[in-house]
Amino acid sequence: MKILFATILAFATIAASAQQDTANHSPAERHDTYERHSIMPTVCLGFIDGYRNNYSLPSGFEKNNTSGFAPVLVKLEYGLSKHISLAATFGYDAFIYNFSQLYQGNNGPFVRYKADVFRSFSGGLTGYYHLGDVIRVKNLDPFAGVGIELNNIRYSAYPTGDSTAIKFNHTATFYVKVGARYYISNRFSVFADAGYDKQSIVSAGFSCRFFSKKKGS
């Protein structure tokens, strides 16, 4: 009887202790991945280049291969408030558009091969709204951005009429994209976005964060 009573008392003590531990453990406090007043530089490459894909030739010219590298995009972002950040954006895009032109000579038609070196320097301003309160995924900083970019464009041999010429363009394009950062540590994250900014439909790269209030590496 004493053994039975001792066993029951032991189980009751364990159960009471477990209930007390459960009461003491409150749900973990949620902490947004995005932080106001932090500075976030980002470097990424662009893909699906609008300048390259929409290059057109007048009659009498024939398209050949296009060579070059993906656009390089850089932004310096500052967290203004709990949900809004502002970024200065910079871009460099360059490729060689190879084409040929058919001529009529004294001995009949012949072809001349030419190359147009395209270069674009861009700079702009973009505002981002961070959606961490809506899309609650650990280490993820989702956002939507709207802005404008000014572009300084140079063509070394732009086809016009029946010849080529050096050509300069100064244009403005809108920036509308959605994307996210995924933090692999407190400081560093992988970055990707998709939308429209003429230089790329999709871009991907890396970000780092300074002046963060979080502790850790």
Protein backbone atom coordinates (compact mmCIF):
# COMPACT_ATOMS: atom_id res chain seq x y z
CA MET A 1 0.00 0.00 0.00
CA LYS A 2 2.81 2.35 0.88
CA ILE A 3 4.52 1.55 -2.44
CA LEU A 4 1.29 2.28 -4.38
CA PHE A 5 0.83 5.59 -2.52
CA ALA A 6 4.45 6.58 -3.18
CA THR A 7 4.06 5.75 -6.90
CA ILE A 8 0.88 7.84 -7.19
CA LEU A 9 2.56 10.75 -5.39
CA ALA A 10 5.55 10.58 -7.72
CA PHE A 11 3.34 10.66 -10.84
CA ALA A 12 1.38 13.60 -9.42
CA THR A 13 4.60 15.51 -8.73
CA ILE A 14 5.88 14.91 -12.29
CA ALA A 15 2.55 15.98 -13.82
CA ALA A 16 2.46 19.17 -11.75
CA SER A 17 6.04 19.98 -12.74
CA ALA A 18 5.26 19.44 -16.44
CA GLN A 19 2.22 21.75 -16.22
CA GLN A 20 4.31 24.45 -14.56
CA ASP A 21 7.01 24.21 -17.28
CA THR A 22 4.35 24.49 -20.00
CA ALA A 23 2.91 27.60 -18.37
CA ASN A 24 6.34 29.21 -18.08
CA HIS A 25 7.19 28.69 -21.80
CA SER A 26 5.40 31.41 -23.75
CA PRO A 27 5.46 31.45 -27.58
CA ALA A 28 8.71 32.75 -29.06
CA GLU A 29 8.69 36.45 -29.78
CA ARG A 30 8.57 37.15 -33.52
CA HIS A 31 11.33 39.37 -34.90
CA ASP A 32 11.05 40.80 -38.43
CA THR A 33 13.97 39.93 -40.69
CA TYR A 34 13.91 43.41 -42.22
CA GLU A 35 15.19 46.12 -39.86
CA ARG A 36 14.72 49.85 -40.02
CA HIS A 37 17.80 52.11 -40.00
CA SER A 38 19.96 49.33 -41.45
CA ILE A 39 22.05 49.79 -44.61
CA MET A 40 21.89 46.99 -47.20
CA PRO A 41 24.23 47.02 -50.21
CA THR A 42 23.36 44.46 -52.90
CA VAL A 43 25.27 43.19 -55.94
CA CYS A 44 23.53 40.99 -58.49
CA LEU A 45 23.43 39.88 -62.12
CA GLY A 46 20.49 40.48 -64.43
CA PHE A 47 18.93 37.96 -66.79
CA ILE A 48 16.61 38.34 -69.81
CA ASP A 49 18.07 41.65 -70.96
CA GLY A 50 15.50 43.89 -72.64
CA TYR A 51 18.12 45.85 -74.58
CA ARG A 52 19.65 42.71 -76.02
CA ASN A 53 16.39 40.90 -76.77
CA ASN A 54 14.68 43.89 -78.38
CA TYR A 55 17.57 44.95 -80.62
CA SER A 56 16.09 45.44 -84.09
CA LEU A 57 17.68 45.79 -87.54
CA PRO A 58 16.39 47.74 -90.53
CA SER A 59 15.92 46.19 -93.96
CA GLY A 60 19.15 45.10 -95.62
CA PHE A 61 20.80 43.88 -92.41
CA GLU A 62 20.90 40.33 -91.05
CA LYS A 63 21.29 39.33 -87.43
CA ASN A 64 24.22 37.19 -86.29
CA ASN A 65 25.27 36.11 -82.81
CA THR A 66 25.33 38.40 -79.77
CA SER A 67 28.20 38.19 -77.27
CA GLY A 68 28.81 39.77 -73.90
CA PHE A 69 28.07 39.42 -70.20
CA ALA A 70 24.98 39.69 -68.04
CA PRO A 71 24.10 43.16 -66.72
CA VAL A 72 25.67 44.04 -63.35
CA LEU A 73 23.26 45.69 -60.91
CA VAL A 74 24.20 47.41 -57.64
CA LYS A 75 21.95 49.02 -55.07
CA LEU A 76 22.48 50.75 -51.74
CA GLU A 77 19.36 50.51 -49.60
CA TYR A 78 18.45 52.22 -46.34
CA GLY A 79 15.61 51.22 -44.02
CA LEU A 80 13.58 54.40 -43.49
CA SER A 81 10.76 52.96 -41.40
CA LYS A 82 9.24 49.72 -40.18
CA HIS A 83 8.11 48.73 -43.68
CA ILE A 84 9.67 51.18 -46.16
CA SER A 85 13.21 51.41 -47.47
CA LEU A 86 14.80 53.62 -50.13
CA ALA A 87 17.57 52.53 -52.51
CA ALA A 88 19.95 54.22 -54.92
CA THR A 89 20.34 51.84 -57.88
CA PHE A 90 23.14 51.57 -60.44
CA GLY A 91 23.51 49.33 -63.47
CA TYR A 92 26.02 48.55 -66.20
CA ASP A 93 25.06 46.62 -69.33
CA ALA A 94 27.34 45.86 -72.27
CA PHE A 95 27.23 43.45 -75.20
CA ILE A 96 28.37 43.18 -78.83
CA TYR A 97 25.63 42.82 -81.40
CA ASN A 98 27.04 41.18 -84.53
CA PHE A 99 25.25 41.58 -87.84
CA SER A 100 25.90 41.59 -91.58
CA GLN A 101 24.92 43.87 -94.43
CA LEU A 102 24.34 42.93 -98.04
CA TYR A 103 25.94 45.21 -100.66
CA GLN A 104 25.67 45.35 -104.41
CA GLY A 105 29.07 45.63 -106.09
CA ASN A 106 30.28 45.74 -109.66
CA ASN A 107 30.84 41.99 -109.56
CA GLY A 108 27.55 41.23 -107.83
CA PRO A 109 26.29 41.16 -104.24
CA PHE A 110 28.66 40.70 -101.30
CA VAL A 111 28.36 40.71 -97.51
CA ARG A 112 30.15 42.85 -94.94
CA TYR A 113 30.18 41.77 -91.30
CA LYS A 114 29.87 44.44 -88.63
CA ALA A 115 29.62 44.70 -84.84
CA ASP A 116 27.80 47.22 -82.69
CA VAL A 117 29.17 47.62 -79.16
CA PHE A 118 26.31 48.54 -76.82
CA ARG A 119 26.98 50.14 -73.41
CA SER A 120 24.50 51.43 -70.87
CA PHE A 121 25.11 53.17 -67.53
CA SER A 122 22.03 53.54 -65.35
CA GLY A 123 21.22 55.20 -62.07
CA GLY A 124 17.97 55.65 -60.23
CA LEU A 125 15.93 55.74 -57.07
CA THR A 126 13.59 52.98 -55.85
CA GLY A 127 11.24 52.68 -52.89
CA TYR A 128 10.54 49.25 -51.36
CA TYR A 129 7.70 48.06 -49.17
CA HIS A 130 8.73 45.10 -46.99
CA LEU A 131 6.05 42.44 -46.50
CA GLY A 132 7.32 40.58 -43.45
CA ASP A 133 4.05 41.17 -41.57
CA VAL A 134 2.10 39.50 -44.38
CA ILE A 135 4.48 36.74 -45.52
CA ARG A 136 5.84 35.29 -42.29
CA VAL A 137 8.69 32.97 -43.22
CA LYS A 138 11.73 32.65 -40.99
CA ASN A 139 14.83 34.47 -42.34
CA LEU A 140 12.87 35.77 -45.35
CA ASP A 141 12.53 39.46 -46.20
CA PRO A 142 9.95 39.76 -49.03
CA PHE A 143 9.40 43.14 -50.69
CA ALA A 144 7.86 45.02 -53.61
CA GLY A 145 9.59 47.96 -55.26
CA VAL A 146 8.72 50.87 -57.54
CA GLY A 147 11.15 53.42 -58.93
CA ILE A 148 12.66 55.16 -61.92
CA GLU A 149 16.04 54.88 -63.65
CA LEU A 150 17.92 57.23 -65.97
CA ASN A 151 19.96 55.53 -68.69
CA ASN A 152 22.98 56.78 -70.64
CA ILE A 153 23.27 54.54 -73.72
CA ARG A 154 25.93 54.40 -76.45
CA TYR A 155 25.95 52.41 -79.70
CA SER A 156 29.29 52.23 -81.53
CA ALA A 157 27.82 51.22 -84.93
CA TYR A 158 24.05 51.48 -84.87
CA PRO A 159 22.49 50.38 -88.19
CA THR A 160 20.55 53.21 -89.79
CA GLY A 161 19.43 53.48 -93.40
CA ASP A 162 22.04 51.64 -95.46
CA SER A 163 24.97 52.43 -93.14
CA THR A 164 25.97 52.57 -89.45
CA ALA A 165 26.66 55.45 -87.07
CA ILE A 166 27.64 56.18 -83.49
CA LYS A 167 24.47 56.82 -81.53
CA PHE A 168 23.72 58.14 -78.03
CA ASN A 169 20.44 57.77 -76.16
CA HIS A 170 19.32 59.23 -72.84
CA THR A 171 16.19 57.52 -71.59
CA ALA A 172 14.14 56.99 -68.44
CA THR A 173 12.61 53.64 -67.50
CA PHE A 174 10.33 52.55 -64.69
CA TYR A 175 11.36 49.93 -62.15
CA VAL A 176 8.59 47.60 -60.90
CA LYS A 177 9.70 44.39 -59.18
CA VAL A 178 8.91 41.95 -56.39
CA GLY A 179 11.53 39.85 -54.64
CA ALA A 180 13.05 38.70 -51.38
CA ARG A 181 16.20 38.35 -49.35
CA TYR A 182 16.88 35.11 -47.51
CA TYR A 183 19.30 35.62 -44.62
CA ILE A 184 21.90 32.89 -44.22
CA SER A 185 23.29 34.81 -41.24
CA ASN A 186 22.46 38.05 -39.46
CA ARG A 187 24.65 39.99 -41.92
CA PHE A 188 24.52 38.13 -45.23
CA SER A 189 21.63 37.13 -47.47
CA VAL A 190 20.92 35.85 -50.96
CA PHE A 191 18.83 38.19 -53.10
CA ALA A 192 16.45 37.67 -56.02
CA ASP A 193 13.74 39.71 -57.71
CA ALA A 194 11.58 39.64 -60.83
CA GLY A 195 9.68 42.27 -62.77
CA TYR A 196 10.62 45.04 -65.17
CA ASP A 197 13.51 47.50 -65.32
CA LYS A 198 14.57 47.15 -69.01
CA GLN A 199 18.02 45.71 -68.16
CA SER A 200 16.62 42.50 -66.68
CA ILE A 201 13.42 40.63 -65.99
CA VAL A 202 15.08 38.54 -63.26
CA SER A 203 18.13 39.31 -61.14
CA ALA A 204 19.95 37.38 -58.42
CA GLY A 205 22.88 38.08 -56.13
CA PHE A 206 23.96 38.77 -52.56
CA SER A 207 23.29 41.41 -49.91
CA CYS A 208 24.93 42.32 -46.64
CA ARG A 209 23.56 44.38 -43.76
CA PHE A 210 25.23 47.00 -41.59
CA PHE A 211 24.16 48.70 -38.36
CA SER A 212 21.82 45.86 -37.52
CA LYS A 213 20.50 45.73 -33.95
CA LYS A 214 20.54 41.93 -33.95
CA LYS A 215 23.30 40.06 -32.18
CA GLY A 216 25.36 37.41 -33.85
CA SER A 217 27.56 36.95 -36.88
